[in-house]
């Protein structure tokens, strides 16, 4: 059941963010509407929408805006989805080109109604972006595909530069927050992506849901054990009163502790701050990971006895 401590719905001043001026935000919205595309920025009521749209960036949400699951923290509506749109990959690639994206982030709703749970559409979107924007990097934030490694492989075979799948929360809260999902499946997806050798595996959690700082540290350790390279941690903000209540607003000292712990474990990049989200400044996170990986490789070459974590 939800944590009994419910912090005020009114945000502290430090967690209030400008939505962005219409003349900066509307051109991105116009591009998305013209192509019939959805974004998680809009559907999940992300607080960073104004900042990201003003910078002409967005996270595409494929396979419609209706999800087959009902997670208690998520604002995306639960309803029967429509069939996959065969033209969506091309339209997504066109929108990415129009926005001038250098790093394209693609996520989706859960599609438990489909035989491949949407894996084929992810692969098609990656291929379309590669053809349209050969110099752009591509990041995917996938659902768990029911824990089916064969479906994860469909996405990995398309060659995303970053493979992201979120743990979302700590183990103790997972079942209450995500009653139709499986902690084991989530772990299996990340572990499989790492075992097959993907060079940039990413995951993230929200804080302020009722977890303790020690549970966050333990989750970072689990991420490392699963082979995750990049971790994101950000403050949960309740979309409406019908959603899971906020248990606390996490202090800056805790975020600093999370970052230090993750880096000490060997994660190549840890982004931990109130407004951090999975795809927030995703290109910067990818570049930081690449720089760290290259530096580790150079150090290993000059010091053969040094063991570099995968």
C-alpha atoms as a PDB file:
ATOM      1  CA  UNK A   1       0.000   0.000   0.000  1.00  0.00           C
ATOM      2  CA  UNK A   2       1.140   3.609  -0.477  1.00  0.00           C
ATOM      3  CA  UNK A   3       3.382   5.136   2.165  1.00  0.00           C
ATOM      4  CA  UNK A   4       1.282   6.897   4.811  1.00  0.00           C
ATOM      5  CA  UNK A   5       3.447  10.031   4.890  1.00  0.00           C
ATOM      6  CA  UNK A   6       2.153  12.288   2.149  1.00  0.00           C
ATOM      7  CA  UNK A   7       4.255  15.400   1.608  1.00  0.00           C
ATOM      8  CA  UNK A   8       2.302  18.465   0.489  1.00  0.00           C
ATOM      9  CA  UNK A   9       1.229  18.448  -3.142  1.00  0.00           C
ATOM     10  CA  UNK A  10       2.485  22.045  -3.384  1.00  0.00           C
ATOM     11  CA  UNK A  11       6.107  21.881  -4.429  1.00  0.00           C
ATOM     12  CA  UNK A  12       8.914  23.450  -2.427  1.00  0.00           C
ATOM     13  CA  UNK A  13      10.302  26.538  -4.205  1.00  0.00           C
ATOM     14  CA  UNK A  14      13.427  24.639  -5.278  1.00  0.00           C
ATOM     15  CA  UNK A  15      11.280  22.127  -7.177  1.00  0.00           C
ATOM     16  CA  UNK A  16       9.259  24.634  -9.180  1.00  0.00           C
ATOM     17  CA  UNK A  17      10.249  24.896 -12.798  1.00  0.00           C
ATOM     18  CA  UNK A  18       9.212  27.181 -15.629  1.00  0.00           C
ATOM     19  CA  UNK A  19       7.077  25.577 -18.318  1.00  0.00           C
ATOM     20  CA  UNK A  20       8.754  27.537 -21.086  1.00  0.00           C
ATOM     21  CA  UNK A  21       7.466  30.368 -23.233  1.00  0.00           C
ATOM     22  CA  UNK A  22       4.908  29.380 -25.847  1.00  0.00           C
ATOM     23  CA  UNK A  23       6.911  30.751 -28.771  1.00  0.00           C
ATOM     24  CA  UNK A  24       9.795  28.458 -27.758  1.00  0.00           C
ATOM     25  CA  UNK A  25       7.733  25.371 -26.941  1.00  0.00           C
ATOM     26  CA  UNK A  26       5.040  25.504 -29.610  1.00  0.00           C
ATOM     27  CA  UNK A  27       7.308  24.839 -32.644  1.00  0.00           C
ATOM     28  CA  UNK A  28       8.285  21.461 -31.173  1.00  0.00           C
ATOM     29  CA  UNK A  29       4.663  20.659 -30.419  1.00  0.00           C
ATOM     30  CA  UNK A  30       3.739  21.642 -33.974  1.00  0.00           C
ATOM     31  CA  UNK A  31       6.355  19.260 -35.402  1.00  0.00           C
ATOM     32  CA  UNK A  32       5.109  16.418 -33.221  1.00  0.00           C
ATOM     33  CA  UNK A  33       1.451  17.038 -34.077  1.00  0.00           C
ATOM     34  CA  UNK A  34       2.217  17.312 -37.789  1.00  0.00           C
ATOM     35  CA  UNK A  35       3.809  13.876 -37.673  1.00  0.00           C
ATOM     36  CA  UNK A  36       1.168  12.376 -35.377  1.00  0.00           C
ATOM     37  CA  UNK A  37       3.731  11.531 -32.699  1.00  0.00           C
ATOM     38  CA  UNK A  38       3.519  11.243 -28.925  1.00  0.00           C
ATOM     39  CA  UNK A  39       6.190  12.108 -26.370  1.00  0.00           C
ATOM     40  CA  UNK A  40       6.676  10.881 -22.830  1.00  0.00           C
ATOM     41  CA  UNK A  41       7.470  14.513 -22.016  1.00  0.00           C
ATOM     42  CA  UNK A  42       3.817  15.425 -22.517  1.00  0.00           C
ATOM     43  CA  UNK A  43       2.077  12.196 -21.533  1.00  0.00           C
ATOM     44  CA  UNK A  44       3.994  11.802 -18.254  1.00  0.00           C
ATOM     45  CA  UNK A  45       3.790  15.531 -17.418  1.00  0.00           C
ATOM     46  CA  UNK A  46       7.565  15.813 -17.155  1.00  0.00           C
ATOM     47  CA  UNK A  47       8.698  18.952 -15.297  1.00  0.00           C
ATOM     48  CA  UNK A  48      11.537  19.377 -17.795  1.00  0.00           C
ATOM     49  CA  UNK A  49       9.247  19.771 -20.807  1.00  0.00           C
ATOM     50  CA  UNK A  50       9.715  23.526 -21.116  1.00  0.00           C
ATOM     51  CA  UNK A  51      13.479  23.292 -20.907  1.00  0.00           C
ATOM     52  CA  UNK A  52      13.737  20.406 -23.360  1.00  0.00           C
ATOM     53  CA  UNK A  53      11.226  21.697 -25.905  1.00  0.00           C
ATOM     54  CA  UNK A  54      12.886  25.112 -25.795  1.00  0.00           C
ATOM     55  CA  UNK A  55      16.124  23.338 -26.706  1.00  0.00           C
ATOM     56  CA  UNK A  56      14.262  21.522 -29.532  1.00  0.00           C
ATOM     57  CA  UNK A  57      14.616  18.103 -27.918  1.00  0.00           C
ATOM     58  CA  UNK A  58      11.977  15.537 -27.007  1.00  0.00           C
ATOM     59  CA  UNK A  59      11.673  11.877 -26.067  1.00  0.00           C
ATOM     60  CA  UNK A  60       9.502  10.043 -28.577  1.00  0.00           C
ATOM     61  CA  UNK A  61       6.936   7.595 -27.207  1.00  0.00           C
ATOM     62  CA  UNK A  62       6.054   5.000 -29.828  1.00  0.00           C
ATOM     63  CA  UNK A  63       3.174   2.534 -30.159  1.00  0.00           C
ATOM     64  CA  UNK A  64       0.537   5.050 -29.121  1.00  0.00           C
ATOM     65  CA  UNK A  65      -0.321   6.885 -25.929  1.00  0.00           C
ATOM     66  CA  UNK A  66      -2.365   4.135 -24.266  1.00  0.00           C
ATOM     67  CA  UNK A  67      -0.648   1.594 -22.026  1.00  0.00           C
ATOM     68  CA  UNK A  68      -1.687  -1.959 -21.154  1.00  0.00           C
ATOM     69  CA  UNK A  69      -0.374  -1.570 -17.596  1.00  0.00           C
ATOM     70  CA  UNK A  70      -1.311   0.738 -14.745  1.00  0.00           C
ATOM     71  CA  UNK A  71       1.731   1.797 -12.724  1.00  0.00           C
ATOM     72  CA  UNK A  72       0.730   3.833  -9.695  1.00  0.00           C
ATOM     73  CA  UNK A  73       3.210   6.627 -10.296  1.00  0.00           C
ATOM     74  CA  UNK A  74       2.649   7.108 -14.036  1.00  0.00           C
ATOM     75  CA  UNK A  75       0.410   9.633 -15.759  1.00  0.00           C
ATOM     76  CA  UNK A  76       0.207   7.735 -19.079  1.00  0.00           C
ATOM     77  CA  UNK A  77      -3.368   6.504 -19.453  1.00  0.00           C
ATOM     78  CA  UNK A  78      -4.290   2.842 -19.285  1.00  0.00           C
ATOM     79  CA  UNK A  79      -6.616   1.743 -22.080  1.00  0.00           C
ATOM     80  CA  UNK A  80      -6.869  -0.673 -24.977  1.00  0.00           C
ATOM     81  CA  UNK A  81      -4.222   0.450 -27.502  1.00  0.00           C
ATOM     82  CA  UNK A  82      -4.662   0.614 -31.236  1.00  0.00           C
ATOM     83  CA  UNK A  83      -2.638  -1.478 -33.684  1.00  0.00           C
ATOM     84  CA  UNK A  84       0.992  -0.531 -34.384  1.00  0.00           C
ATOM     85  CA  UNK A  85       1.376   2.134 -37.058  1.00  0.00           C
ATOM     86  CA  UNK A  86       3.651   0.953 -39.869  1.00  0.00           C
ATOM     87  CA  UNK A  87       4.402   4.558 -40.871  1.00  0.00           C
ATOM     88  CA  UNK A  88       5.402   5.663 -37.378  1.00  0.00           C
ATOM     89  CA  UNK A  89       9.148   4.891 -37.752  1.00  0.00           C
ATOM     90  CA  UNK A  90       9.463   7.068 -40.863  1.00  0.00           C
ATOM     91  CA  UNK A  91       7.505   9.920 -39.285  1.00  0.00           C
ATOM     92  CA  UNK A  92       9.621   9.718 -36.149  1.00  0.00           C
ATOM     93  CA  UNK A  93      12.810   9.895 -38.202  1.00  0.00           C
ATOM     94  CA  UNK A  94      11.452  12.877 -40.137  1.00  0.00           C
ATOM     95  CA  UNK A  95      10.592  14.688 -36.895  1.00  0.00           C
ATOM     96  CA  UNK A  96      14.040  13.968 -35.474  1.00  0.00           C
ATOM     97  CA  UNK A  97      15.610  15.390 -38.631  1.00  0.00           C
ATOM     98  CA  UNK A  98      13.356  18.468 -38.528  1.00  0.00           C
ATOM     99  CA  UNK A  99      14.339  19.125 -34.908  1.00  0.00           C
ATOM    100  CA  UNK A 100      18.010  18.636 -35.741  1.00  0.00           C
ATOM    101  CA  UNK A 101      18.529  15.998 -33.063  1.00  0.00           C
ATOM    102  CA  UNK A 102      22.006  14.624 -32.521  1.00  0.00           C
ATOM    103  CA  UNK A 103      20.801  12.073 -29.949  1.00  0.00           C
ATOM    104  CA  UNK A 104      17.393  10.487 -30.492  1.00  0.00           C
ATOM    105  CA  UNK A 105      15.638   8.935 -27.486  1.00  0.00           C
ATOM    106  CA  UNK A 106      12.801   6.482 -28.093  1.00  0.00           C
ATOM    107  CA  UNK A 107      10.560   4.942 -25.456  1.00  0.00           C
ATOM    108  CA  UNK A 108       7.126   3.307 -25.542  1.00  0.00           C
ATOM    109  CA  UNK A 109       4.060   2.350 -23.604  1.00  0.00           C
ATOM    110  CA  UNK A 110       3.780  -1.274 -22.489  1.00  0.00           C
ATOM    111  CA  UNK A 111       2.187  -3.356 -25.224  1.00  0.00           C
ATOM    112  CA  UNK A 112       1.382  -6.685 -23.594  1.00  0.00           C
ATOM    113  CA  UNK A 113      -1.345  -7.104 -26.218  1.00  0.00           C
ATOM    114  CA  UNK A 114       1.198  -7.673 -29.009  1.00  0.00           C
ATOM    115  CA  UNK A 115       2.956 -10.955 -29.722  1.00  0.00           C
ATOM    116  CA  UNK A 116       6.345  -9.208 -29.750  1.00  0.00           C
ATOM    117  CA  UNK A 117       5.310  -6.648 -27.096  1.00  0.00           C
ATOM    118  CA  UNK A 118       6.474  -3.868 -29.418  1.00  0.00           C
ATOM    119  CA  UNK A 119      10.079  -5.008 -29.922  1.00  0.00           C
ATOM    120  CA  UNK A 120       9.730  -4.971 -33.714  1.00  0.00           C
ATOM    121  CA  UNK A 121       8.530  -1.365 -33.696  1.00  0.00           C
ATOM    122  CA  UNK A 122      11.553  -0.330 -31.653  1.00  0.00           C
ATOM    123  CA  UNK A 123      13.833  -2.014 -34.199  1.00  0.00           C
ATOM    124  CA  UNK A 124      12.024  -0.358 -37.099  1.00  0.00           C
ATOM    125  CA  UNK A 125      12.308   3.079 -35.480  1.00  0.00           C
ATOM    126  CA  UNK A 126      16.031   2.627 -34.863  1.00  0.00           C
ATOM    127  CA  UNK A 127      16.532   1.587 -38.488  1.00  0.00           C
ATOM    128  CA  UNK A 128      14.536   4.576 -39.751  1.00  0.00           C
ATOM    129  CA  UNK A 129      16.564   7.029 -37.680  1.00  0.00           C
ATOM    130  CA  UNK A 130      19.814   5.419 -38.825  1.00  0.00           C
ATOM    131  CA  UNK A 131      18.768   5.850 -42.462  1.00  0.00           C
ATOM    132  CA  UNK A 132      17.559   9.431 -42.030  1.00  0.00           C
ATOM    133  CA  UNK A 133      20.185  10.669 -39.559  1.00  0.00           C
ATOM    134  CA  UNK A 134      23.288   8.492 -39.986  1.00  0.00           C
ATOM    135  CA  UNK A 135      25.395  10.684 -37.700  1.00  0.00           C
ATOM    136  CA  UNK A 136      22.923  10.758 -34.805  1.00  0.00           C
ATOM    137  CA  UNK A 137      23.134   8.436 -31.826  1.00  0.00           C
ATOM    138  CA  UNK A 138      20.065   6.508 -30.705  1.00  0.00           C
ATOM    139  CA  UNK A 139      18.930   5.633 -27.195  1.00  0.00           C
ATOM    140  CA  UNK A 140      16.029   3.351 -26.350  1.00  0.00           C
ATOM    141  CA  UNK A 141      14.122   3.146 -23.077  1.00  0.00           C
ATOM    142  CA  UNK A 142      12.245  -0.128 -23.323  1.00  0.00           C
ATOM    143  CA  UNK A 143       9.563  -1.962 -21.367  1.00  0.00           C
ATOM    144  CA  UNK A 144      10.418  -5.360 -19.907  1.00  0.00           C
ATOM    145  CA  UNK A 145       8.982  -7.399 -22.845  1.00  0.00           C
ATOM    146  CA  UNK A 146       7.678  -9.873 -20.280  1.00  0.00           C
ATOM    147  CA  UNK A 147      11.257 -10.824 -19.487  1.00  0.00           C
ATOM    148  CA  UNK A 148      11.656 -12.514 -22.896  1.00  0.00           C
ATOM    149  CA  UNK A 149      15.343 -12.254 -23.826  1.00  0.00           C
ATOM    150  CA  UNK A 150      14.532 -13.017 -27.483  1.00  0.00           C
ATOM    151  CA  UNK A 151      12.534  -9.806 -27.696  1.00  0.00           C
ATOM    152  CA  UNK A 152      15.304  -7.838 -26.007  1.00  0.00           C
ATOM    153  CA  UNK A 153      17.621  -9.255 -28.673  1.00  0.00           C
ATOM    154  CA  UNK A 154      15.344  -7.908 -31.429  1.00  0.00           C
ATOM    155  CA  UNK A 155      15.966  -4.394 -30.102  1.00  0.00           C
ATOM    156  CA  UNK A 156      19.669  -4.928 -29.443  1.00  0.00           C
ATOM    157  CA  UNK A 157      20.202  -6.312 -32.954  1.00  0.00           C
ATOM    158  CA  UNK A 158      19.013  -2.963 -34.363  1.00  0.00           C
ATOM    159  CA  UNK A 159      22.066  -1.377 -32.756  1.00  0.00           C
ATOM    160  CA  UNK A 160      20.949   1.330 -30.307  1.00  0.00           C
ATOM    161  CA  UNK A 161      23.879   3.274 -28.892  1.00  0.00           C
ATOM    162  CA  UNK A 162      22.292   3.224 -25.416  1.00  0.00           C
ATOM    163  CA  UNK A 163      19.990   0.516 -24.072  1.00  0.00           C
ATOM    164  CA  UNK A 164      17.922   1.784 -21.144  1.00  0.00           C
ATOM    165  CA  UNK A 165      15.457  -0.080 -18.973  1.00  0.00           C
ATOM    166  CA  UNK A 166      14.392   1.426 -15.666  1.00  0.00           C
ATOM    167  CA  UNK A 167      14.214  -0.355 -12.341  1.00  0.00           C
ATOM    168  CA  UNK A 168      11.955   2.601 -11.377  1.00  0.00           C
ATOM    169  CA  UNK A 169      12.152   2.014  -7.596  1.00  0.00           C
ATOM    170  CA  UNK A 170      13.722  -0.154  -4.907  1.00  0.00           C
ATOM    171  CA  UNK A 171      12.848  -3.837  -4.584  1.00  0.00           C
ATOM    172  CA  UNK A 172      10.647  -3.417  -1.489  1.00  0.00           C
ATOM    173  CA  UNK A 173       8.264  -0.994  -3.230  1.00  0.00           C
ATOM    174  CA  UNK A 174       8.271  -2.501  -6.695  1.00  0.00           C
ATOM    175  CA  UNK A 175       5.211  -4.746  -6.489  1.00  0.00           C
ATOM    176  CA  UNK A 176       3.024  -2.053  -4.918  1.00  0.00           C
ATOM    177  CA  UNK A 177       4.057   0.545  -7.485  1.00  0.00           C
ATOM    178  CA  UNK A 178       4.031  -1.745 -10.507  1.00  0.00           C
ATOM    179  CA  UNK A 179       1.493  -4.526  -9.791  1.00  0.00           C
ATOM    180  CA  UNK A 180       1.447  -5.784 -13.386  1.00  0.00           C
ATOM    181  CA  UNK A 181       5.223  -5.884 -13.722  1.00  0.00           C
ATOM    182  CA  UNK A 182       7.936  -8.148 -12.357  1.00  0.00           C
ATOM    183  CA  UNK A 183      11.101  -7.221 -10.447  1.00  0.00           C
ATOM    184  CA  UNK A 184      12.683 -10.393 -11.787  1.00  0.00           C
ATOM    185  CA  UNK A 185      11.850  -9.517 -15.389  1.00  0.00           C
ATOM    186  CA  UNK A 186      13.304  -6.040 -14.959  1.00  0.00           C
ATOM    187  CA  UNK A 187      16.505  -7.487 -13.535  1.00  0.00           C
ATOM    188  CA  UNK A 188      16.637 -10.100 -16.300  1.00  0.00           C
ATOM    189  CA  UNK A 189      16.350  -7.483 -19.076  1.00  0.00           C
ATOM    190  CA  UNK A 190      19.271  -5.445 -17.743  1.00  0.00           C
ATOM    191  CA  UNK A 191      21.384  -8.498 -17.015  1.00  0.00           C
ATOM    192  CA  UNK A 192      20.795  -9.901 -20.488  1.00  0.00           C
ATOM    193  CA  UNK A 193      21.728  -6.646 -22.233  1.00  0.00           C
ATOM    194  CA  UNK A 194      24.965  -6.602 -20.273  1.00  0.00           C
ATOM    195  CA  UNK A 195      25.792 -10.277 -20.784  1.00  0.00           C
ATOM    196  CA  UNK A 196      25.494 -10.015 -24.563  1.00  0.00           C
ATOM    197  CA  UNK A 197      27.970  -7.164 -24.415  1.00  0.00           C
ATOM    198  CA  UNK A 198      26.013  -3.990 -25.059  1.00  0.00           C
ATOM    199  CA  UNK A 199      28.483  -1.139 -24.434  1.00  0.00           C
ATOM    200  CA  UNK A 200      26.054   1.302 -22.785  1.00  0.00           C
ATOM    201  CA  UNK A 201      23.415  -0.180 -20.477  1.00  0.00           C
ATOM    202  CA  UNK A 202      21.414   2.367 -18.510  1.00  0.00           C
ATOM    203  CA  UNK A 203      18.819   2.277 -15.748  1.00  0.00           C
ATOM    204  CA  UNK A 204      17.141   4.666 -13.356  1.00  0.00           C
ATOM    205  CA  UNK A 205      14.967   5.008 -10.298  1.00  0.00           C
ATOM    206  CA  UNK A 206      12.760   7.643  -8.717  1.00  0.00           C
ATOM    207  CA  UNK A 207      13.191   8.690  -5.097  1.00  0.00           C
ATOM    208  CA  UNK A 208      10.670  10.115  -2.672  1.00  0.00           C
ATOM    209  CA  UNK A 209       8.334   7.132  -2.995  1.00  0.00           C
ATOM    210  CA  UNK A 210       8.943   5.765   0.505  1.00  0.00           C
ATOM    211  CA  UNK A 211      12.405   4.252   0.087  1.00  0.00           C
ATOM    212  CA  UNK A 212      15.366   4.955   2.378  1.00  0.00           C
ATOM    213  CA  UNK A 213      18.749   6.286   1.303  1.00  0.00           C
ATOM    214  CA  UNK A 214      20.293   2.937   2.193  1.00  0.00           C
ATOM    215  CA  UNK A 215      17.865   1.179  -0.149  1.00  0.00           C
ATOM    216  CA  UNK A 216      18.909   3.536  -2.942  1.00  0.00           C
ATOM    217  CA  UNK A 217      22.569   2.710  -2.300  1.00  0.00           C
ATOM    218  CA  UNK A 218      21.746  -1.004  -2.376  1.00  0.00           C
ATOM    219  CA  UNK A 219      19.883  -0.515  -5.671  1.00  0.00           C
ATOM    220  CA  UNK A 220      22.919   1.190  -7.191  1.00  0.00           C
ATOM    221  CA  UNK A 221      24.991  -1.809  -6.104  1.00  0.00           C
ATOM    222  CA  UNK A 222      22.432  -4.103  -7.766  1.00  0.00           C
ATOM    223  CA  UNK A 223      22.632  -2.062 -10.964  1.00  0.00           C
ATOM    224  CA  UNK A 224      26.385  -2.564 -11.006  1.00  0.00           C
ATOM    225  CA  UNK A 225      25.994  -6.294 -10.433  1.00  0.00           C
ATOM    226  CA  UNK A 226      23.573  -6.457 -13.362  1.00  0.00           C
ATOM    227  CA  UNK A 227      26.107  -4.737 -15.611  1.00  0.00           C
ATOM    228  CA  UNK A 228      24.560  -1.269 -15.782  1.00  0.00           C
ATOM    229  CA  UNK A 229      26.927   1.522 -16.825  1.00  0.00           C
ATOM    230  CA  UNK A 230      24.781   4.687 -16.540  1.00  0.00           C
ATOM    231  CA  UNK A 231      22.394   5.420 -13.655  1.00  0.00           C
ATOM    232  CA  UNK A 232      19.788   8.158 -13.231  1.00  0.00           C
ATOM    233  CA  UNK A 233      18.077   9.146  -9.969  1.00  0.00           C
ATOM    234  CA  UNK A 234      15.458  11.882  -9.655  1.00  0.00           C
ATOM    235  CA  UNK A 235      12.690  13.125  -7.403  1.00  0.00           C
ATOM    236  CA  UNK A 236       9.256  11.594  -7.869  1.00  0.00           C
ATOM    237  CA  UNK A 237       6.613  14.280  -8.390  1.00  0.00           C
ATOM    238  CA  UNK A 238       3.008  13.166  -8.025  1.00  0.00           C
ATOM    239  CA  UNK A 239       1.105  13.828 -11.274  1.00  0.00           C
ATOM    240  CA  UNK A 240      -2.332  13.986  -9.605  1.00  0.00           C
ATOM    241  CA  UNK A 241      -3.939  13.135  -6.265  1.00  0.00           C
ATOM    242  CA  UNK A 242      -4.990   9.805  -7.766  1.00  0.00           C
ATOM    243  CA  UNK A 243      -1.359   8.728  -8.008  1.00  0.00           C
ATOM    244  CA  UNK A 244       1.086   7.353  -5.446  1.00  0.00           C
ATOM    245  CA  UNK A 245       1.780   9.980  -2.758  1.00  0.00           C
ATOM    246  CA  UNK A 246       5.112  11.700  -2.284  1.00  0.00           C
ATOM    247  CA  UNK A 247       6.762  10.398   0.889  1.00  0.00           C
ATOM    248  CA  UNK A 248       9.588  12.951   1.023  1.00  0.00           C
ATOM    249  CA  UNK A 249      11.498  15.527  -0.951  1.00  0.00           C
ATOM    250  CA  UNK A 250      15.050  14.206  -1.082  1.00  0.00           C
ATOM    251  CA  UNK A 251      17.837  16.510   0.107  1.00  0.00           C
ATOM    252  CA  UNK A 252      20.857  17.526  -1.959  1.00  0.00           C
ATOM    253  CA  UNK A 253      23.162  15.732   0.487  1.00  0.00           C
ATOM    254  CA  UNK A 254      21.471  12.440  -0.376  1.00  0.00           C
ATOM    255  CA  UNK A 255      21.918  12.985  -4.113  1.00  0.00           C
ATOM    256  CA  UNK A 256      25.606  13.693  -3.545  1.00  0.00           C
ATOM    257  CA  UNK A 257      25.876  10.472  -1.553  1.00  0.00           C
ATOM    258  CA  UNK A 258      24.158   8.493  -4.303  1.00  0.00           C
ATOM    259  CA  UNK A 259      26.504   9.916  -6.945  1.00  0.00           C
ATOM    260  CA  UNK A 260      29.633   9.199  -4.922  1.00  0.00           C
ATOM    261  CA  UNK A 261      28.503   5.655  -4.177  1.00  0.00           C
ATOM    262  CA  UNK A 262      27.684   4.902  -7.798  1.00  0.00           C
ATOM    263  CA  UNK A 263      31.007   6.213  -9.041  1.00  0.00           C
ATOM    264  CA  UNK A 264      32.855   4.243  -6.356  1.00  0.00           C
ATOM    265  CA  UNK A 265      31.103   1.097  -7.583  1.00  0.00           C
ATOM    266  CA  UNK A 266      32.434   1.680 -11.099  1.00  0.00           C
ATOM    267  CA  UNK A 267      29.397   3.144 -12.843  1.00  0.00           C
ATOM    268  CA  UNK A 268      30.697   5.310 -15.657  1.00  0.00           C
ATOM    269  CA  UNK A 269      28.092   8.043 -15.159  1.00  0.00           C
ATOM    270  CA  UNK A 270      25.630   8.800 -12.371  1.00  0.00           C
ATOM    271  CA  UNK A 271      23.097  11.623 -12.714  1.00  0.00           C
ATOM    272  CA  UNK A 272      21.358  12.253  -9.391  1.00  0.00           C
ATOM    273  CA  UNK A 273      19.374  15.434  -8.750  1.00  0.00           C
ATOM    274  CA  UNK A 274      15.720  16.419  -8.253  1.00  0.00           C
ATOM    275  CA  UNK A 275      14.892  17.029 -11.914  1.00  0.00           C
ATOM    276  CA  UNK A 276      16.876  14.118 -13.353  1.00  0.00           C
ATOM    277  CA  UNK A 277      14.775  11.832 -15.518  1.00  0.00           C
ATOM    278  CA  UNK A 278      15.738   8.857 -17.689  1.00  0.00           C
ATOM    279  CA  UNK A 279      16.204  10.910 -20.841  1.00  0.00           C
ATOM    280  CA  UNK A 280      17.040  14.289 -19.284  1.00  0.00           C
ATOM    281  CA  UNK A 281      20.325  15.472 -20.848  1.00  0.00           C
ATOM    282  CA  UNK A 282      20.620  11.946 -22.243  1.00  0.00           C
ATOM    283  CA  UNK A 283      23.160  12.971 -24.877  1.00  0.00           C
ATOM    284  CA  UNK A 284      25.433  14.459 -22.217  1.00  0.00           C
ATOM    285  CA  UNK A 285      25.172  11.250 -20.169  1.00  0.00           C
ATOM    286  CA  UNK A 286      26.099   9.175 -23.214  1.00  0.00           C
ATOM    287  CA  UNK A 287      29.088  11.374 -23.986  1.00  0.00           C
ATOM    288  CA  UNK A 288      30.238  11.194 -20.360  1.00  0.00           C
ATOM    289  CA  UNK A 289      29.958   7.400 -20.461  1.00  0.00           C
ATOM    290  CA  UNK A 290      31.968   7.217 -23.680  1.00  0.00           C
ATOM    291  CA  UNK A 291      34.653   9.502 -22.275  1.00  0.00           C
ATOM    292  CA  UNK A 292      34.888   7.439 -19.107  1.00  0.00           C
ATOM    293  CA  UNK A 293      35.040   4.189 -21.069  1.00  0.00           C
ATOM    294  CA  UNK A 294      37.756   5.517 -23.366  1.00  0.00           C
ATOM    295  CA  UNK A 295      39.771   6.812 -20.418  1.00  0.00           C
ATOM    296  CA  UNK A 296      39.487   3.455 -18.668  1.00  0.00           C
ATOM    297  CA  UNK A 297      40.608   1.691 -21.821  1.00  0.00           C
ATOM    298  CA  UNK A 298      43.629   3.954 -22.180  1.00  0.00           C
ATOM    299  CA  UNK A 299      44.523   3.441 -18.527  1.00  0.00           C
ATOM    300  CA  UNK A 300      44.175  -0.322 -18.860  1.00  0.00           C
ATOM    301  CA  UNK A 301      46.438  -0.306 -21.918  1.00  0.00           C
ATOM    302  CA  UNK A 302      49.145   1.559 -20.021  1.00  0.00           C
ATOM    303  CA  UNK A 303      48.672  -0.540 -16.853  1.00  0.00           C
ATOM    304  CA  UNK A 304      48.111  -4.179 -17.858  1.00  0.00           C
ATOM    305  CA  UNK A 305      47.751  -5.313 -14.242  1.00  0.00           C
ATOM    306  CA  UNK A 306      44.781  -2.994 -13.643  1.00  0.00           C
ATOM    307  CA  UNK A 307      41.396  -4.727 -13.785  1.00  0.00           C
ATOM    308  CA  UNK A 308      38.773  -2.572 -15.496  1.00  0.00           C
ATOM    309  CA  UNK A 309      35.161  -3.487 -14.742  1.00  0.00           C
ATOM    310  CA  UNK A 310      33.051  -4.299 -17.806  1.00  0.00           C
END
